[in-house]
Amino acid sequence: MRVLHSSDWHLGRNLYKNKRYDEFEAFLNWLVETIKEERVDVLLLAGDIFDTVMPDNLSQTLYYNFLKSVAKTACRHVVIVAGNHDSASFLNAPRKVLSLLNTWVVGSASEDVSEEVLLLRDPDGAVELIVCAVPYLRRGDIYESVAGESAEDKERSYREGIAAHYKMVADVAEQARERHGGDIPVVAMGHLFAQGGKTMDGDGVRDLYVGSLGYIGADAFSENFDYVALGHLHIAQRVGLRENIRYSGSPIPMGFGEATQTKTMRLLEFEGRTLQQSDIEVPRFQALESIRGNVQEILERIQALKEAGSDAWLEVVYNGEEEVADLNEIIQSELGASKLQVLKVLNERRIKRMAISDAQGDLEQLDVYDIFERLLDSKGIVEQQRVELRRSYRELVVAILEEDVNKGGGSLD
């Protein structure tokens, strides 16, 4: 049995306000062909299918057209769990219809964890794979806050709640394996931040998820899981020293920080519970490049790309010593009639001088955490006091984000 693990598509995501529908469509078309060529039996999508909780019509069209196309291949099952960017109710709404296409959706945690344990059957009706389809677990899904709890207590309760949830689904899955045959593989899915996970600048994973808040260790996953398919981090990687706990990573770069990454998906081949793994490299559907340097270095690189006939999207970061007032005009003049597109020009000299009172246009370069750090600087808060202030601030941001998501609003990410 061949299983393909993917995650973090973020359909609908823009890059500096540039639409990426053509890129997403090219990826999904490639994925359908890959499923055919690699004879994939089961596709696992570990969350963040969409970039926002209210995806636009074009993103929805891409999603449903893809599922329809997969249903016409030899792939027997698609299992989808929600990520933190996804709306649980939106994903769940059509799941009864999608089940007719052997597409199984778990958008939110259930009080009865057995509902998250899926028994996937072969064409003869025998159970061939057990999937613990655990979606992104929000705080309210797994524990109730207690008045007077410290930030550390809440973090510990959250981590312990996640670990307890996985233990319960593991127990249910093991009982099912015993009923249907001890040689059936069990795969767990999840969307979370695992301890030690690697991230990159610009990958869209905010500090509120990748600091001390909400991470869990590899020991939270039962040894009875033959593989753990994770989503949330955009770099393909294993968790700890366990080769069978993996992030597939995002299949296309979410930002210029990921532009040099080789994007992959994980292909699993089970013979009973014996597992072999390999990577499938994802082609680059839109070239991205971040150019850094002084004016001469920037122009030389643009000229080299023009001569190569590149159609890359560019982020230009000026870090020279001289003040250049007409940097944008110089770059646009060099582009000429080429296929290159400059999506953003960043002047590090100006950014370094930027203060909280700067114009709103400059504040676009800062996220909510950068602004808070500037505020601490402006108030002269000493480092010893900042630790607790940062924790409290991050807790507030998490609460705002999760309340907004539950109401069907947007995302800070």
Protein backbone atom coordinates (compact mmCIF):
# COMPACT_ATOMS: atom_id res chain seq x y z
CA MET A 1 0.00 0.00 0.00
CA ARG A 2 1.39 3.39 -1.03
CA VAL A 3 0.55 6.50 1.02
CA LEU A 4 1.42 10.10 0.15
CA HIS A 5 1.79 12.67 2.93
CA SER A 6 1.31 16.37 2.14
CA SER A 7 0.27 19.51 4.04
CA ASP A 8 0.28 23.29 4.18
CA TRP A 9 -1.01 24.17 0.73
CA HIS A 10 -2.35 27.55 1.89
CA LEU A 11 -4.59 27.91 -1.16
CA GLY A 12 -5.42 31.58 -1.69
CA ARG A 13 -2.24 32.92 -0.13
CA ASN A 14 -0.83 36.04 -1.78
CA LEU A 15 2.77 37.09 -1.97
CA TYR A 16 3.09 40.84 -1.38
CA LYS A 17 -0.48 41.15 -2.70
CA ASN A 18 0.32 39.18 -5.87
CA LYS A 19 -2.26 36.49 -6.62
CA ARG A 20 -0.89 32.95 -6.97
CA TYR A 21 -3.83 31.03 -8.45
CA ASP A 22 -1.87 29.91 -11.52
CA GLU A 23 0.88 28.56 -9.30
CA PHE A 24 -1.55 26.65 -7.07
CA GLU A 25 -3.39 25.24 -10.07
CA ALA A 26 -0.13 24.06 -11.66
CA PHE A 27 0.83 22.34 -8.42
CA LEU A 28 -2.51 20.59 -8.04
CA ASN A 29 -2.45 19.40 -11.66
CA TRP A 30 1.05 18.06 -11.11
CA LEU A 31 -0.08 16.33 -7.91
CA VAL A 32 -2.92 14.51 -9.69
CA GLU A 33 -0.43 13.20 -12.28
CA THR A 34 2.00 12.23 -9.52
CA ILE A 35 -0.71 10.26 -7.73
CA LYS A 36 -1.30 8.35 -10.96
CA GLU A 37 2.39 7.76 -11.74
CA GLU A 38 3.33 6.72 -8.20
CA ARG A 39 0.23 4.51 -7.85
CA VAL A 40 -0.77 6.24 -4.61
CA ASP A 41 -3.52 4.41 -2.70
CA VAL A 42 -4.06 6.94 0.12
CA LEU A 43 -3.44 10.69 0.22
CA LEU A 44 -3.03 12.36 3.63
CA LEU A 45 -3.43 16.16 3.87
CA ALA A 46 -2.30 17.35 7.29
CA GLY A 47 -3.94 20.75 7.55
CA ASP A 48 -3.76 24.35 6.30
CA ILE A 49 -5.42 23.45 3.04
CA PHE A 50 -6.51 27.07 2.77
CA ASP A 51 -4.73 30.21 3.89
CA THR A 52 -7.75 31.83 5.53
CA VAL A 53 -10.87 30.64 7.30
CA MET A 54 -13.00 32.16 4.56
CA PRO A 55 -11.37 31.06 1.29
CA ASP A 56 -12.32 32.90 -1.86
CA ASN A 57 -14.27 31.27 -4.68
CA LEU A 58 -11.23 30.57 -6.86
CA SER A 59 -9.46 28.76 -4.01
CA GLN A 60 -12.55 26.68 -3.34
CA THR A 61 -12.80 25.83 -7.03
CA LEU A 62 -9.18 24.63 -7.07
CA TYR A 63 -9.83 22.47 -4.00
CA TYR A 64 -12.99 20.78 -5.24
CA ASN A 65 -11.68 20.30 -8.79
CA PHE A 66 -8.63 18.60 -7.32
CA LEU A 67 -10.70 16.21 -5.20
CA LYS A 68 -12.87 15.41 -8.20
CA SER A 69 -9.77 14.65 -10.29
CA VAL A 70 -8.26 12.43 -7.60
CA ALA A 71 -11.52 10.47 -7.41
CA LYS A 72 -10.97 9.50 -11.05
CA THR A 73 -7.55 7.97 -10.30
CA ALA A 74 -6.74 4.66 -8.62
CA CYS A 75 -6.23 6.47 -5.28
CA ARG A 76 -8.70 4.82 -2.91
CA HIS A 77 -8.83 7.34 -0.08
CA VAL A 78 -8.11 10.99 0.73
CA VAL A 79 -7.93 12.00 4.42
CA ILE A 80 -8.00 15.70 5.30
CA VAL A 81 -7.59 17.30 8.73
CA ALA A 82 -7.95 21.00 9.48
CA GLY A 83 -5.00 23.23 10.32
CA ASN A 84 -4.93 26.46 12.31
CA HIS A 85 -5.57 28.48 9.13
CA ASP A 86 -8.60 26.39 8.17
CA SER A 87 -12.19 26.84 9.25
CA ALA A 88 -13.34 23.60 10.85
CA SER A 89 -16.97 24.29 9.95
CA PHE A 90 -16.11 25.15 6.35
CA LEU A 91 -14.14 21.93 5.84
CA ASN A 92 -16.74 19.83 7.64
CA ALA A 93 -19.78 21.20 5.80
CA PRO A 94 -19.50 19.00 2.66
CA ARG A 95 -17.93 15.96 4.29
CA LYS A 96 -20.96 13.68 3.82
CA VAL A 97 -20.92 14.43 0.10
CA LEU A 98 -17.13 14.08 -0.07
CA SER A 99 -17.34 10.69 1.65
CA LEU A 100 -19.05 9.43 -1.51
CA LEU A 101 -15.69 10.11 -3.20
CA ASN A 102 -13.86 8.29 -0.37
CA THR A 103 -12.61 11.65 0.90
CA TRP A 104 -12.69 11.78 4.69
CA VAL A 105 -12.61 15.16 6.43
CA VAL A 106 -12.03 15.85 10.14
CA GLY A 107 -12.30 19.57 10.76
CA SER A 108 -12.53 19.67 14.54
CA ALA A 109 -11.84 17.55 17.59
CA SER A 110 -14.68 15.38 18.84
CA GLU A 111 -15.74 14.59 22.39
CA ASP A 112 -15.82 10.97 21.25
CA VAL A 113 -12.24 10.48 20.00
CA SER A 114 -13.24 7.27 18.22
CA GLU A 115 -14.77 9.54 15.56
CA GLU A 116 -11.23 10.62 14.68
CA VAL A 117 -10.10 7.01 14.12
CA LEU A 118 -10.83 6.06 10.52
CA LEU A 119 -10.84 2.48 9.22
CA LEU A 120 -9.90 2.62 5.54
CA ARG A 121 -10.93 -0.43 3.56
CA ASP A 122 -9.56 -2.05 0.42
CA PRO A 123 -11.79 -2.90 -2.60
CA ASP A 124 -12.74 -6.21 -0.94
CA GLY A 125 -13.96 -4.47 2.21
CA ALA A 126 -11.08 -5.47 4.48
CA VAL A 127 -9.46 -2.83 6.70
CA GLU A 128 -6.11 -1.94 5.13
CA LEU A 129 -5.12 1.19 7.07
CA ILE A 130 -6.15 2.81 10.36
CA VAL A 131 -5.79 6.59 10.42
CA CYS A 132 -5.93 8.67 13.59
CA ALA A 133 -7.10 11.87 11.88
CA VAL A 134 -6.43 14.50 14.56
CA PRO A 135 -7.07 18.11 13.46
CA TYR A 136 -5.46 21.23 14.86
CA LEU A 137 -6.32 21.23 18.57
CA ARG A 138 -7.36 24.59 19.94
CA ARG A 139 -7.20 25.29 23.64
CA GLY A 140 -10.94 25.02 24.09
CA ASP A 141 -10.91 21.58 22.47
CA ILE A 142 -8.80 19.93 25.14
CA TYR A 143 -8.92 21.79 28.45
CA GLU A 144 -10.76 24.46 30.41
CA SER A 145 -8.89 27.41 31.86
CA VAL A 146 -8.89 27.81 35.62
CA ALA A 147 -9.07 31.24 37.24
CA GLY A 148 -5.70 32.35 38.54
CA GLU A 149 -3.63 30.10 36.31
CA SER A 150 -0.24 31.50 35.37
CA ALA A 151 0.96 31.62 31.77
CA GLU A 152 3.27 28.67 32.51
CA ASP A 153 0.38 26.64 33.92
CA LYS A 154 -1.72 27.30 30.83
CA GLU A 155 1.12 26.30 28.51
CA ARG A 156 1.69 23.10 30.48
CA SER A 157 -2.03 22.27 30.51
CA TYR A 158 -2.25 22.84 26.76
CA ARG A 159 0.71 20.54 26.04
CA GLU A 160 -0.58 17.88 28.42
CA GLY A 161 -4.03 18.09 26.82
CA ILE A 162 -2.58 17.51 23.35
CA ALA A 163 -0.54 14.54 24.57
CA ALA A 164 -3.58 13.06 26.35
CA HIS A 165 -5.69 13.42 23.21
CA TYR A 166 -3.16 11.51 21.13
CA LYS A 167 -2.96 8.79 23.77
CA MET A 168 -6.72 8.31 23.65
CA VAL A 169 -6.85 8.02 19.86
CA ALA A 170 -3.85 5.67 19.97
CA ASP A 171 -5.68 3.39 22.40
CA VAL A 172 -8.79 3.34 20.19
CA ALA A 173 -6.66 2.62 17.11
CA GLU A 174 -4.83 -0.23 18.83
CA GLN A 175 -8.10 -1.83 19.87
CA ALA A 176 -9.29 -1.59 16.26
CA ARG A 177 -6.06 -3.17 15.04
CA GLU A 178 -6.53 -6.08 17.41
CA ARG A 179 -10.08 -6.59 16.15
CA HIS A 180 -9.21 -6.47 12.46
CA GLY A 181 -5.73 -7.99 12.36
CA GLY A 182 -2.44 -7.19 14.07
CA ASP A 183 -0.56 -6.50 10.84
CA ILE A 184 -2.62 -3.43 9.86
CA PRO A 185 -0.56 -0.21 9.91
CA VAL A 186 -1.72 2.71 12.04
CA VAL A 187 -0.95 6.26 10.87
CA ALA A 188 -1.58 9.36 12.99
CA MET A 189 -2.12 12.84 11.57
CA GLY A 190 -1.79 16.20 13.25
CA HIS A 191 -1.25 19.91 12.82
CA LEU A 192 0.94 21.30 15.58
CA PHE A 193 4.40 22.51 16.55
CA ALA A 194 6.68 19.72 17.72
CA GLN A 195 9.60 20.46 20.01
CA GLY A 196 12.79 21.18 18.11
CA GLY A 197 10.99 21.87 14.83
CA LYS A 198 12.86 24.04 12.32
CA THR A 199 11.27 27.16 10.83
CA MET A 200 12.45 29.96 8.57
CA ASP A 201 11.91 33.71 8.42
CA GLY A 202 8.88 34.50 6.31
CA ASP A 203 7.40 30.99 6.44
CA GLY A 204 4.19 32.29 7.99
CA VAL A 205 4.50 30.38 11.28
CA ARG A 206 4.18 32.99 13.97
CA ASP A 207 5.97 33.12 17.32
CA LEU A 208 2.68 32.45 19.09
CA TYR A 209 2.93 28.87 17.80
CA VAL A 210 6.67 28.31 17.67
CA GLY A 211 7.90 29.73 20.94
CA SER A 212 7.38 27.91 24.22
CA LEU A 213 3.64 27.98 23.60
CA GLY A 214 1.91 24.77 22.57
CA TYR A 215 4.85 22.63 21.48
CA ILE A 216 4.94 18.95 22.33
CA GLY A 217 7.71 16.36 22.29
CA ALA A 218 8.01 13.25 20.17
CA ASP A 219 7.17 11.18 23.25
CA ALA A 220 3.56 12.40 22.97
CA PHE A 221 3.11 10.05 20.01
CA SER A 222 2.51 6.39 20.79
CA GLU A 223 5.09 3.81 19.75
CA ASN A 224 2.12 1.96 18.24
CA PHE A 225 1.89 4.60 15.51
CA ASP A 226 3.68 3.24 12.47
CA TYR A 227 3.92 6.75 11.03
CA VAL A 228 2.92 10.26 12.14
CA ALA A 229 2.01 12.69 9.32
CA LEU A 230 2.33 16.26 10.59
CA GLY A 231 1.54 19.67 9.18
CA HIS A 232 2.19 23.26 10.29
CA LEU A 233 5.94 23.69 9.71
CA HIS A 234 6.97 24.44 6.15
CA ILE A 235 10.37 22.72 6.19
CA ALA A 236 10.26 18.97 5.54
CA GLN A 237 11.84 17.30 8.57
CA ARG A 238 11.66 14.50 11.09
CA VAL A 239 10.75 15.05 14.73
CA GLY A 240 13.46 14.24 17.24
CA LEU A 241 15.31 11.07 16.31
CA ARG A 242 12.21 9.20 15.16
CA GLU A 243 12.27 8.69 11.42
CA ASN A 244 8.57 7.82 11.34
CA ILE A 245 7.38 11.20 12.70
CA ARG A 246 7.55 13.68 9.87
CA TYR A 247 6.57 17.08 8.58
CA SER A 248 6.07 16.98 4.83
CA GLY A 249 6.57 20.75 4.59
CA SER A 250 4.74 23.11 2.28
CA PRO A 251 4.81 22.05 -1.40
CA ILE A 252 5.40 25.57 -2.73
CA PRO A 253 7.37 28.40 -1.09
CA MET A 254 5.10 30.53 1.03
CA GLY A 255 7.54 33.44 0.96
CA PHE A 256 11.00 34.50 -0.11
CA GLY A 257 12.47 32.94 3.02
CA GLU A 258 11.59 29.54 1.51
CA ALA A 259 12.77 30.40 -2.01
CA THR A 260 15.92 28.28 -1.84
CA GLN A 261 14.29 25.24 -0.24
CA THR A 262 13.81 22.00 -2.12
CA LYS A 263 10.13 21.22 -1.60
CA THR A 264 9.09 17.60 -1.15
CA MET A 265 6.26 15.30 -0.15
CA ARG A 266 6.71 12.04 1.73
CA LEU A 267 5.89 8.74 0.01
CA LEU A 268 5.25 5.76 2.31
CA GLU A 269 5.15 2.15 1.21
CA PHE A 270 3.69 -0.35 3.66
CA GLU A 271 4.11 -4.10 3.49
CA GLY A 272 1.99 -4.98 6.48
CA ARG A 273 3.48 -2.77 9.19
CA THR A 274 6.92 -2.68 7.56
CA LEU A 275 7.51 0.82 6.24
CA GLN A 276 9.79 2.22 3.57
CA GLN A 277 9.93 5.99 3.02
CA SER A 278 11.15 8.29 0.28
CA ASP A 279 10.77 11.89 -0.85
CA ILE A 280 9.08 13.10 -4.00
CA GLU A 281 10.53 16.43 -5.09
CA VAL A 282 7.97 19.07 -6.04
CA PRO A 283 8.83 21.16 -9.11
CA ARG A 284 9.09 24.94 -8.84
CA PHE A 285 6.06 26.46 -10.53
CA GLN A 286 7.06 30.09 -10.00
CA ALA A 287 10.67 31.13 -9.47
CA LEU A 288 11.30 33.35 -6.44
CA GLU A 289 14.52 35.12 -5.57
CA SER A 290 15.60 37.51 -2.86
CA ILE A 291 18.41 39.81 -4.02
CA ARG A 292 20.50 41.46 -1.31
CA GLY A 293 23.33 43.94 -1.65
CA ASN A 294 24.31 47.47 -2.59
CA VAL A 295 23.03 49.12 -5.75
CA GLN A 296 25.73 47.69 -7.99
CA GLU A 297 25.27 44.15 -6.67
CA ILE A 298 21.50 44.35 -7.08
CA LEU A 299 21.73 45.61 -10.66
CA GLU A 300 24.32 42.98 -11.60
CA ARG A 301 22.06 40.19 -10.36
CA ILE A 302 19.03 41.59 -12.19
CA GLN A 303 21.10 41.78 -15.38
CA ALA A 304 22.18 38.14 -14.99
CA LEU A 305 18.57 37.05 -14.55
CA LYS A 306 17.50 39.05 -17.61
CA GLU A 307 20.19 37.41 -19.73
CA ALA A 308 18.99 34.00 -18.54
CA GLY A 309 15.42 34.83 -19.62
CA SER A 310 14.11 34.42 -16.07
CA ASP A 311 10.51 35.27 -15.15
CA ALA A 312 11.23 35.21 -11.40
CA TRP A 313 9.40 37.23 -8.80
CA LEU A 314 11.93 39.29 -6.89
CA GLU A 315 12.32 40.70 -3.42
CA VAL A 316 15.09 43.31 -3.39
CA VAL A 317 16.82 44.12 -0.09
CA TYR A 318 19.17 47.09 -0.18
CA ASN A 319 21.82 46.91 2.57
CA GLY A 320 24.39 49.36 1.22
CA GLU A 321 25.93 52.16 3.27
CA GLU A 322 24.88 55.07 1.07
CA GLU A 323 21.48 56.74 1.19
CA VAL A 324 19.69 56.08 -2.12
CA ALA A 325 16.60 58.23 -2.57
CA ASP A 326 15.50 56.88 -5.95
CA LEU A 327 16.15 53.16 -5.41
CA ASN A 328 12.79 52.03 -6.84
CA GLU A 329 13.28 54.08 -10.00
CA ILE A 330 16.79 52.68 -10.52
CA ILE A 331 15.53 49.10 -10.19
CA GLN A 332 12.53 49.61 -12.47
CA SER A 333 14.75 51.16 -15.11
CA GLU A 334 17.04 48.13 -15.01
CA LEU A 335 14.12 45.72 -15.41
CA GLY A 336 13.16 47.26 -18.74
CA ALA A 337 10.97 44.95 -20.82
CA SER A 338 12.11 41.77 -19.07
CA LYS A 339 9.78 39.12 -17.62
CA LEU A 340 11.06 39.78 -14.12
CA GLN A 341 8.71 41.24 -11.52
CA VAL A 342 9.88 43.05 -8.40
CA LEU A 343 7.26 42.48 -5.71
CA LYS A 344 8.96 44.36 -2.91
CA VAL A 345 11.92 46.66 -2.35
CA LEU A 346 13.19 46.83 1.23
CA ASN A 347 15.68 49.46 2.34
CA GLU A 348 17.40 48.11 5.45
CA ARG A 349 18.94 51.48 6.27
CA ARG A 350 15.49 53.00 6.65
CA ILE A 351 14.10 50.00 8.50
CA LYS A 352 16.90 50.19 11.08
CA ARG A 353 16.05 53.84 11.74
CA MET A 354 12.35 53.19 11.94
CA ALA A 355 10.61 53.93 15.24
CA ILE A 356 7.09 53.27 16.49
CA SER A 357 6.07 56.78 15.50
CA ASP A 358 7.01 56.24 11.85
CA ALA A 359 4.43 56.49 9.09
CA GLN A 360 1.91 53.67 8.67
CA GLY A 361 3.53 52.62 5.40
CA ASP A 362 6.75 51.77 7.26
CA LEU A 363 4.86 49.86 9.95
CA GLU A 364 3.85 47.34 7.30
CA GLN A 365 7.37 45.91 7.68
CA LEU A 366 6.65 44.98 11.31
CA ASP A 367 4.51 42.19 12.75
CA VAL A 368 2.59 42.38 16.03
CA TYR A 369 5.58 41.05 17.96
CA ASP A 370 8.07 43.48 16.44
CA ILE A 371 5.80 46.37 17.41
CA PHE A 372 5.55 45.10 20.99
CA GLU A 373 9.35 44.87 21.19
CA ARG A 374 9.60 48.48 19.96
CA LEU A 375 7.14 49.50 22.66
CA LEU A 376 9.25 47.77 25.34
CA ASP A 377 12.31 49.57 24.01
CA SER A 378 10.57 52.94 24.02
CA LYS A 379 9.48 52.45 27.66
CA GLY A 380 12.95 51.37 28.78
CA ILE A 381 11.72 48.02 30.17
CA VAL A 382 14.64 45.94 31.50
CA GLU A 383 15.14 42.37 30.23
CA GLN A 384 14.20 40.71 33.53
CA GLN A 385 10.73 42.27 33.33
CA ARG A 386 10.30 41.53 29.61
CA VAL A 387 10.06 37.75 29.99
CA GLU A 388 6.70 37.80 31.78
CA LEU A 389 5.43 40.71 29.67
CA ARG A 390 6.17 38.78 26.48
CA ARG A 391 4.37 35.69 27.79
CA SER A 392 1.31 37.71 28.75
CA TYR A 393 1.28 39.53 25.42
CA ARG A 394 1.55 36.30 23.44
CA GLU A 395 -1.26 34.80 25.50
CA LEU A 396 -3.47 37.76 24.58
CA VAL A 397 -2.60 37.42 20.89
CA VAL A 398 -3.48 33.72 20.98
CA ALA A 399 -6.81 34.49 22.63
CA ILE A 400 -7.63 37.17 20.05
CA LEU A 401 -6.66 34.91 17.16
CA GLU A 402 -8.64 31.92 18.36
CA GLU A 403 -11.72 34.04 19.16
CA ASP A 404 -11.51 35.54 15.65
CA VAL A 405 -11.21 32.12 14.03
CA ASN A 406 -14.14 30.75 16.03
CA LYS A 407 -16.24 33.66 14.78
CA GLY A 408 -15.22 32.94 11.19
CA GLY A 409 -12.96 35.98 10.95
CA GLY A 410 -9.47 36.41 9.57
CA SER A 411 -6.06 35.36 10.82
CA LEU A 412 -3.11 37.27 12.23
CA ASP A 413 -0.89 35.07 10.08
